[in-house]
PDB file of all heavy atoms in Angstrom:
ATOM      1  N   ASP A   1     -28.511 -30.023  -5.299  1.00  0.00           N
ATOM      2  CA  ASP A   1     -29.065 -29.096  -4.313  1.00  0.00           C
ATOM      3  C   ASP A   1     -28.341 -29.200  -2.968  1.00  0.00           C
ATOM      4  O   ASP A   1     -28.084 -28.184  -2.316  1.00  0.00           O
ATOM      5  CB  ASP A   1     -30.561 -29.371  -4.126  1.00  0.00           C
ATOM      6  CG  ASP A   1     -31.387 -28.864  -5.297  1.00  0.00           C
ATOM      7  OD1 ASP A   1     -30.866 -28.055  -6.096  1.00  0.00           O
ATOM      8  OD2 ASP A   1     -32.552 -29.277  -5.423  1.00  0.00           O
ATOM      9  N   PHE A   2     -28.000 -30.398  -2.557  1.00  0.00           N
ATOM     10  CA  PHE A   2     -27.366 -30.554  -1.249  1.00  0.00           C
ATOM     11  C   PHE A   2     -25.963 -29.961  -1.228  1.00  0.00           C
ATOM     12  O   PHE A   2     -25.396 -29.692  -0.169  1.00  0.00           O
ATOM     13  CB  PHE A   2     -27.317 -32.035  -0.836  1.00  0.00           C
ATOM     14  CG  PHE A   2     -26.387 -32.880  -1.654  1.00  0.00           C
ATOM     15  CD1 PHE A   2     -25.020 -32.888  -1.413  1.00  0.00           C
ATOM     16  CD2 PHE A   2     -26.877 -33.664  -2.681  1.00  0.00           C
ATOM     17  CE1 PHE A   2     -24.159 -33.659  -2.166  1.00  0.00           C
ATOM     18  CE2 PHE A   2     -26.029 -34.445  -3.455  1.00  0.00           C
ATOM     19  CZ  PHE A   2     -24.657 -34.436  -3.198  1.00  0.00           C
ATOM     20  N   ALA A   3     -25.375 -29.786  -2.425  1.00  0.00           N
ATOM     21  CA  ALA A   3     -23.998 -29.300  -2.509  1.00  0.00           C
ATOM     22  C   ALA A   3     -23.909 -27.774  -2.651  1.00  0.00           C
ATOM     23  O   ALA A   3     -22.861 -27.188  -2.366  1.00  0.00           O
ATOM     24  CB  ALA A   3     -23.302 -29.953  -3.695  1.00  0.00           C
ATOM     25  N   LYS A   4     -24.984 -27.158  -3.072  1.00  0.00           N
ATOM     26  CA  LYS A   4     -24.974 -25.714  -3.294  1.00  0.00           C
ATOM     27  C   LYS A   4     -24.665 -24.964  -1.998  1.00  0.00           C
ATOM     28  O   LYS A   4     -25.261 -25.207  -0.957  1.00  0.00           O
ATOM     29  CB  LYS A   4     -26.325 -25.265  -3.858  1.00  0.00           C
ATOM     30  CG  LYS A   4     -26.599 -25.769  -5.250  1.00  0.00           C
ATOM     31  CD  LYS A   4     -27.991 -25.353  -5.739  1.00  0.00           C
ATOM     32  CE  LYS A   4     -28.271 -25.909  -7.115  1.00  0.00           C
ATOM     33  NZ  LYS A   4     -29.645 -25.588  -7.582  1.00  0.00           N
ATOM     34  N   GLY A   5     -23.692 -24.075  -2.104  1.00  0.00           N
ATOM     35  CA  GLY A   5     -23.306 -23.284  -0.940  1.00  0.00           C
ATOM     36  C   GLY A   5     -22.309 -23.956  -0.020  1.00  0.00           C
ATOM     37  O   GLY A   5     -21.738 -23.309   0.861  1.00  0.00           O
ATOM     38  N   ARG A   6     -22.107 -25.251  -0.192  1.00  0.00           N
ATOM     39  CA  ARG A   6     -21.148 -25.972   0.670  1.00  0.00           C
ATOM     40  C   ARG A   6     -19.982 -26.558  -0.107  1.00  0.00           C
ATOM     41  O   ARG A   6     -18.873 -26.669   0.411  1.00  0.00           O
ATOM     42  CB  ARG A   6     -21.857 -27.106   1.418  1.00  0.00           C
ATOM     43  CG  ARG A   6     -22.948 -26.680   2.367  1.00  0.00           C
ATOM     44  CD  ARG A   6     -23.365 -27.830   3.271  1.00  0.00           C
ATOM     45  NE  ARG A   6     -23.820 -28.983   2.516  1.00  0.00           N
ATOM     46  CZ  ARG A   6     -23.389 -30.219   2.721  1.00  0.00           C
ATOM     47  NH1 ARG A   6     -22.470 -30.474   3.645  1.00  0.00           N
ATOM     48  NH2 ARG A   6     -23.867 -31.236   2.005  1.00  0.00           N
ATOM     49  N   PHE A   7     -20.239 -26.985  -1.332  1.00  0.00           N
ATOM     50  CA  PHE A   7     -19.208 -27.630  -2.139  1.00  0.00           C
ATOM     51  C   PHE A   7     -18.795 -26.702  -3.275  1.00  0.00           C
ATOM     52  O   PHE A   7     -19.625 -25.961  -3.816  1.00  0.00           O
ATOM     53  CB  PHE A   7     -19.715 -28.933  -2.735  1.00  0.00           C
ATOM     54  CG  PHE A   7     -19.997 -30.036  -1.733  1.00  0.00           C
ATOM     55  CD1 PHE A   7     -19.949 -29.811  -0.365  1.00  0.00           C
ATOM     56  CD2 PHE A   7     -20.306 -31.305  -2.179  1.00  0.00           C
ATOM     57  CE1 PHE A   7     -20.218 -30.814   0.541  1.00  0.00           C
ATOM     58  CE2 PHE A   7     -20.574 -32.332  -1.282  1.00  0.00           C
ATOM     59  CZ  PHE A   7     -20.536 -32.084   0.085  1.00  0.00           C
ATOM     60  N   THR A   8     -17.532 -26.782  -3.653  1.00  0.00           N
ATOM     61  CA  THR A   8     -17.035 -26.013  -4.785  1.00  0.00           C
ATOM     62  C   THR A   8     -16.205 -26.916  -5.679  1.00  0.00           C
ATOM     63  O   THR A   8     -15.231 -27.526  -5.220  1.00  0.00           O
ATOM     64  CB  THR A   8     -16.172 -24.835  -4.317  1.00  0.00           C
ATOM     65  OG1 THR A   8     -16.944 -23.980  -3.464  1.00  0.00           O
ATOM     66  CG2 THR A   8     -15.694 -24.021  -5.526  1.00  0.00           C
ATOM     67  N   ILE A   9     -16.594 -26.994  -6.940  1.00  0.00           N
ATOM     68  CA  ILE A   9     -15.825 -27.752  -7.916  1.00  0.00           C
ATOM     69  C   ILE A   9     -14.994 -26.772  -8.725  1.00  0.00           C
ATOM     70  O   ILE A   9     -15.465 -25.693  -9.098  1.00  0.00           O
ATOM     71  CB  ILE A   9     -16.744 -28.602  -8.831  1.00  0.00           C
ATOM     72  CG1 ILE A   9     -15.929 -29.513  -9.739  1.00  0.00           C
ATOM     73  CG2 ILE A   9     -17.702 -27.731  -9.638  1.00  0.00           C
ATOM     74  CD1 ILE A   9     -16.786 -30.503 -10.531  1.00  0.00           C
ATOM     75  N   SER A  10     -13.752 -27.131  -8.980  1.00  0.00           N
ATOM     76  CA  SER A  10     -12.868 -26.257  -9.756  1.00  0.00           C
ATOM     77  C   SER A  10     -11.891 -27.119 -10.530  1.00  0.00           C
ATOM     78  O   SER A  10     -11.736 -28.306 -10.252  1.00  0.00           O
ATOM     79  CB  SER A  10     -12.118 -25.294  -8.827  1.00  0.00           C
ATOM     80  OG  SER A  10     -11.287 -26.013  -7.920  1.00  0.00           O
ATOM     81  N   ARG A  11     -11.245 -26.518 -11.482  1.00  0.00           N
ATOM     82  CA  ARG A  11     -10.291 -27.258 -12.307  1.00  0.00           C
ATOM     83  C   ARG A  11      -8.960 -26.518 -12.342  1.00  0.00           C
ATOM     84  O   ARG A  11      -8.890 -25.306 -12.248  1.00  0.00           O
ATOM     85  CB  ARG A  11     -10.829 -27.440 -13.718  1.00  0.00           C
ATOM     86  CG  ARG A  11     -10.971 -26.146 -14.450  1.00  0.00           C
ATOM     87  CD  ARG A  11     -11.584 -26.304 -15.832  1.00  0.00           C
ATOM     88  NE  ARG A  11     -11.807 -24.985 -16.403  1.00  0.00           N
ATOM     89  CZ  ARG A  11     -12.881 -24.245 -16.177  1.00  0.00           C
ATOM     90  NH1 ARG A  11     -13.837 -24.727 -15.410  1.00  0.00           N
ATOM     91  NH2 ARG A  11     -12.992 -23.056 -16.715  1.00  0.00           N
ATOM     92  N   ASP A  12      -7.930 -27.308 -12.498  1.00  0.00           N
ATOM     93  CA  ASP A  12      -6.582 -26.788 -12.687  1.00  0.00           C
ATOM     94  C   ASP A  12      -6.108 -27.367 -14.005  1.00  0.00           C
ATOM     95  O   ASP A  12      -5.639 -28.516 -14.061  1.00  0.00           O
ATOM     96  CB  ASP A  12      -5.686 -27.227 -11.530  1.00  0.00           C
ATOM     97  CG  ASP A  12      -4.286 -26.649 -11.609  1.00  0.00           C
ATOM     98  OD1 ASP A  12      -3.847 -26.307 -12.732  1.00  0.00           O
ATOM     99  OD2 ASP A  12      -3.633 -26.543 -10.576  1.00  0.00           O
ATOM    100  N   SER A  13      -6.250 -26.589 -15.062  1.00  0.00           N
ATOM    101  CA  SER A  13      -5.943 -27.098 -16.395  1.00  0.00           C
ATOM    102  C   SER A  13      -4.483 -27.497 -16.529  1.00  0.00           C
ATOM    103  O   SER A  13      -4.158 -28.477 -17.202  1.00  0.00           O
ATOM    104  CB  SER A  13      -6.290 -26.035 -17.441  1.00  0.00           C
ATOM    105  OG  SER A  13      -7.666 -25.730 -17.388  1.00  0.00           O
ATOM    106  N   ALA A  14      -3.614 -26.755 -15.898  1.00  0.00           N
ATOM    107  CA  ALA A  14      -2.181 -27.056 -16.018  1.00  0.00           C
ATOM    108  C   ALA A  14      -1.836 -28.411 -15.405  1.00  0.00           C
ATOM    109  O   ALA A  14      -0.914 -29.089 -15.856  1.00  0.00           O
ATOM    110  CB  ALA A  14      -1.359 -25.953 -15.358  1.00  0.00           C
ATOM    111  N   GLU A  15      -2.603 -28.795 -14.376  1.00  0.00           N
ATOM    112  CA  GLU A  15      -2.339 -30.056 -13.690  1.00  0.00           C
ATOM    113  C   GLU A  15      -3.305 -31.153 -14.102  1.00  0.00           C
ATOM    114  O   GLU A  15      -3.242 -32.264 -13.558  1.00  0.00           O
ATOM    115  CB  GLU A  15      -2.425 -29.841 -12.171  1.00  0.00           C
ATOM    116  CG  GLU A  15      -1.397 -28.864 -11.631  1.00  0.00           C
ATOM    117  CD  GLU A  15       0.020 -29.387 -11.729  1.00  0.00           C
ATOM    118  OE1 GLU A  15       0.194 -30.645 -11.695  1.00  0.00           O
ATOM    119  OE2 GLU A  15       0.946 -28.579 -11.853  1.00  0.00           O
ATOM    120  N   ASN A  16      -4.193 -30.850 -15.049  1.00  0.00           N
ATOM    121  CA  ASN A  16      -5.208 -31.824 -15.478  1.00  0.00           C
ATOM    122  C   ASN A  16      -5.974 -32.376 -14.276  1.00  0.00           C
ATOM    123  O   ASN A  16      -6.228 -33.587 -14.179  1.00  0.00           O
ATOM    124  CB  ASN A  16      -4.564 -32.978 -16.257  1.00  0.00           C
ATOM    125  CG  ASN A  16      -4.214 -32.593 -17.676  1.00  0.00           C
ATOM    126  OD1 ASN A  16      -4.803 -31.664 -18.231  1.00  0.00           O
ATOM    127  ND2 ASN A  16      -3.264 -33.291 -18.263  1.00  0.00           N
ATOM    128  N   THR A  17      -6.327 -31.495 -13.390  1.00  0.00           N
ATOM    129  CA  THR A  17      -6.940 -31.913 -12.133  1.00  0.00           C
ATOM    130  C   THR A  17      -8.215 -31.132 -11.868  1.00  0.00           C
ATOM    131  O   THR A  17      -8.296 -29.930 -12.158  1.00  0.00           O
ATOM    132  CB  THR A  17      -5.953 -31.706 -10.963  1.00  0.00           C
ATOM    133  OG1 THR A  17      -4.802 -32.516 -11.185  1.00  0.00           O
ATOM    134  CG2 THR A  17      -6.586 -32.095  -9.635  1.00  0.00           C
ATOM    135  N   VAL A  18      -9.185 -31.825 -11.319  1.00  0.00           N
ATOM    136  CA  VAL A  18     -10.424 -31.212 -10.854  1.00  0.00           C
ATOM    137  C   VAL A  18     -10.511 -31.422  -9.344  1.00  0.00           C
ATOM    138  O   VAL A  18     -10.230 -32.515  -8.849  1.00  0.00           O
ATOM    139  CB  VAL A  18     -11.656 -31.829 -11.546  1.00  0.00           C
ATOM    140  CG1 VAL A  18     -12.937 -31.320 -10.910  1.00  0.00           C
ATOM    141  CG2 VAL A  18     -11.654 -31.493 -13.015  1.00  0.00           C
ATOM    142  N   HIS A  19     -10.867 -30.362  -8.653  1.00  0.00           N
ATOM    143  CA  HIS A  19     -10.957 -30.409  -7.202  1.00  0.00           C
ATOM    144  C   HIS A  19     -12.414 -30.294  -6.762  1.00  0.00           C
ATOM    145  O   HIS A  19     -13.234 -29.654  -7.429  1.00  0.00           O
ATOM    146  CB  HIS A  19     -10.162 -29.261  -6.580  1.00  0.00           C
ATOM    147  CG  HIS A  19      -8.733 -29.213  -7.001  1.00  0.00           C
ATOM    148  ND1 HIS A  19      -7.784 -30.085  -6.509  1.00  0.00           N
ATOM    149  CD2 HIS A  19      -8.089 -28.413  -7.892  1.00  0.00           C
ATOM    150  CE1 HIS A  19      -6.622 -29.807  -7.062  1.00  0.00           C
ATOM    151  NE2 HIS A  19      -6.770 -28.796  -7.910  1.00  0.00           N
ATOM    152  N   LEU A  20     -12.691 -30.886  -5.638  1.00  0.00           N
ATOM    153  CA  LEU A  20     -13.992 -30.703  -4.994  1.00  0.00           C
ATOM    154  C   LEU A  20     -13.721 -30.319  -3.545  1.00  0.00           C
ATOM    155  O   LEU A  20     -13.253 -31.142  -2.758  1.00  0.00           O
ATOM    156  CB  LEU A  20     -14.835 -31.974  -5.052  1.00  0.00           C
ATOM    157  CG  LEU A  20     -16.246 -31.845  -4.469  1.00  0.00           C
ATOM    158  CD1 LEU A  20     -17.109 -30.940  -5.353  1.00  0.00           C
ATOM    159  CD2 LEU A  20     -16.912 -33.215  -4.323  1.00  0.00           C
ATOM    160  N   GLN A  21     -13.988 -29.071  -3.245  1.00  0.00           N
ATOM    161  CA  GLN A  21     -13.800 -28.576  -1.879  1.00  0.00           C
ATOM    162  C   GLN A  21     -15.139 -28.652  -1.167  1.00  0.00           C
ATOM    163  O   GLN A  21     -16.150 -28.160  -1.677  1.00  0.00           O
ATOM    164  CB  GLN A  21     -13.279 -27.142  -1.914  1.00  0.00           C
ATOM    165  CG  GLN A  21     -11.905 -27.016  -2.560  1.00  0.00           C
ATOM    166  CD  GLN A  21     -11.476 -25.565  -2.716  1.00  0.00           C
ATOM    167  OE1 GLN A  21     -12.107 -24.795  -3.442  1.00  0.00           O
ATOM    168  NE2 GLN A  21     -10.421 -25.192  -2.038  1.00  0.00           N
ATOM    169  N   MET A  22     -15.119 -29.253   0.010  1.00  0.00           N
ATOM    170  CA  MET A  22     -16.356 -29.474   0.752  1.00  0.00           C
ATOM    171  C   MET A  22     -16.231 -28.843   2.139  1.00  0.00           C
ATOM    172  O   MET A  22     -15.210 -29.017   2.811  1.00  0.00           O
ATOM    173  CB  MET A  22     -16.623 -30.978   0.882  1.00  0.00           C
ATOM    174  CG  MET A  22     -16.705 -31.690  -0.457  1.00  0.00           C
ATOM    175  SD  MET A  22     -16.923 -33.484  -0.327  1.00  0.00           S
ATOM    176  CE  MET A  22     -15.270 -33.972   0.202  1.00  0.00           C
ATOM    177  N   ARG A  23     -17.248 -28.137   2.549  1.00  0.00           N
ATOM    178  CA  ARG A  23     -17.239 -27.534   3.871  1.00  0.00           C
ATOM    179  C   ARG A  23     -18.577 -27.789   4.549  1.00  0.00           C
ATOM    180  O   ARG A  23     -19.535 -28.243   3.919  1.00  0.00           O
ATOM    181  CB  ARG A  23     -16.942 -26.038   3.794  1.00  0.00           C
ATOM    182  CG  ARG A  23     -17.947 -25.232   3.007  1.00  0.00           C
ATOM    183  CD  ARG A  23     -17.545 -23.764   2.965  1.00  0.00           C
ATOM    184  NE  ARG A  23     -18.498 -22.942   2.216  1.00  0.00           N
ATOM    185  CZ  ARG A  23     -19.584 -22.400   2.718  1.00  0.00           C
ATOM    186  NH1 ARG A  23     -19.883 -22.606   4.000  1.00  0.00           N
ATOM    187  NH2 ARG A  23     -20.380 -21.668   1.971  1.00  0.00           N
ATOM    188  N   SER A  24     -18.641 -27.454   5.828  1.00  0.00           N
ATOM    189  CA  SER A  24     -19.855 -27.685   6.617  1.00  0.00           C
ATOM    190  C   SER A  24     -20.346 -29.114   6.433  1.00  0.00           C
ATOM    191  O   SER A  24     -21.541 -29.360   6.234  1.00  0.00           O
ATOM    192  CB  SER A  24     -20.950 -26.677   6.221  1.00  0.00           C
ATOM    193  OG  SER A  24     -20.523 -25.354   6.441  1.00  0.00           O
ATOM    194  N   LEU A  25     -19.419 -30.035   6.495  1.00  0.00           N
ATOM    195  CA  LEU A  25     -19.767 -31.436   6.258  1.00  0.00           C
ATOM    196  C   LEU A  25     -20.589 -31.993   7.410  1.00  0.00           C
ATOM    197  O   LEU A  25     -20.440 -31.585   8.565  1.00  0.00           O
ATOM    198  CB  LEU A  25     -18.498 -32.255   6.053  1.00  0.00           C
ATOM    199  CG  LEU A  25     -17.777 -31.998   4.735  1.00  0.00           C
ATOM    200  CD1 LEU A  25     -16.353 -32.518   4.783  1.00  0.00           C
ATOM    201  CD2 LEU A  25     -18.537 -32.644   3.590  1.00  0.00           C
ATOM    202  N   ASN A  26     -21.466 -32.914   7.078  1.00  0.00           N
ATOM    203  CA  ASN A  26     -22.266 -33.606   8.073  1.00  0.00           C
ATOM    204  C   ASN A  26     -22.226 -35.102   7.776  1.00  0.00           C
ATOM    205  O   ASN A  26     -21.788 -35.517   6.699  1.00  0.00           O
ATOM    206  CB  ASN A  26     -23.695 -33.065   8.090  1.00  0.00           C
ATOM    207  CG  ASN A  26     -24.388 -33.233   6.757  1.00  0.00           C
ATOM    208  OD1 ASN A  26     -24.686 -34.358   6.346  1.00  0.00           O
ATOM    209  ND2 ASN A  26     -24.661 -32.129   6.080  1.00  0.00           N
ATOM    210  N   PRO A  27     -22.649 -35.910   8.735  1.00  0.00           N
ATOM    211  CA  PRO A  27     -22.544 -37.368   8.536  1.00  0.00           C
ATOM    212  C   PRO A  27     -23.246 -37.866   7.273  1.00  0.00           C
ATOM    213  O   PRO A  27     -22.861 -38.913   6.736  1.00  0.00           O
ATOM    214  CB  PRO A  27     -23.184 -37.930   9.806  1.00  0.00           C
ATOM    215  CG  PRO A  27     -22.886 -36.901  10.844  1.00  0.00           C
ATOM    216  CD  PRO A  27     -23.010 -35.593  10.118  1.00  0.00           C
ATOM    217  N   ARG A  28     -24.244 -37.142   6.793  1.00  0.00           N
ATOM    218  CA  ARG A  28     -24.923 -37.579   5.567  1.00  0.00           C
ATOM    219  C   ARG A  28     -24.029 -37.450   4.344  1.00  0.00           C
ATOM    220  O   ARG A  28     -24.338 -37.994   3.281  1.00  0.00           O
ATOM    221  CB  ARG A  28     -26.202 -36.766   5.355  1.00  0.00           C
ATOM    222  CG  ARG A  28     -27.276 -37.007   6.401  1.00  0.00           C
ATOM    223  CD  ARG A  28     -28.554 -36.270   6.036  1.00  0.00           C
ATOM    224  NE  ARG A  28     -28.373 -34.834   5.975  1.00  0.00           N
ATOM    225  CZ  ARG A  28     -28.420 -34.029   7.032  1.00  0.00           C
ATOM    226  NH1 ARG A  28     -28.642 -34.530   8.237  1.00  0.00           N
ATOM    227  NH2 ARG A  28     -28.253 -32.721   6.891  1.00  0.00           N
ATOM    228  N   ASP A  29     -22.928 -36.721   4.487  1.00  0.00           N
ATOM    229  CA  ASP A  29     -21.979 -36.606   3.373  1.00  0.00           C
ATOM    230  C   ASP A  29     -21.001 -37.778   3.320  1.00  0.00           C
ATOM    231  O   ASP A  29     -20.179 -37.855   2.406  1.00  0.00           O
ATOM    232  CB  ASP A  29     -21.189 -35.300   3.497  1.00  0.00           C
ATOM    233  CG  ASP A  29     -22.073 -34.076   3.361  1.00  0.00           C
ATOM    234  OD1 ASP A  29     -22.904 -34.041   2.428  1.00  0.00           O
ATOM    235  OD2 ASP A  29     -21.929 -33.152   4.188  1.00  0.00           O
TER     236      ASP A  29
END
């Protein structure tokens, strides 16, 4: 719930990589 709307998880199959993009970060993160 805390990540909805602020964090985005995605994958890059060619690079065998998963990303986590985080925005509107606060000290609780």
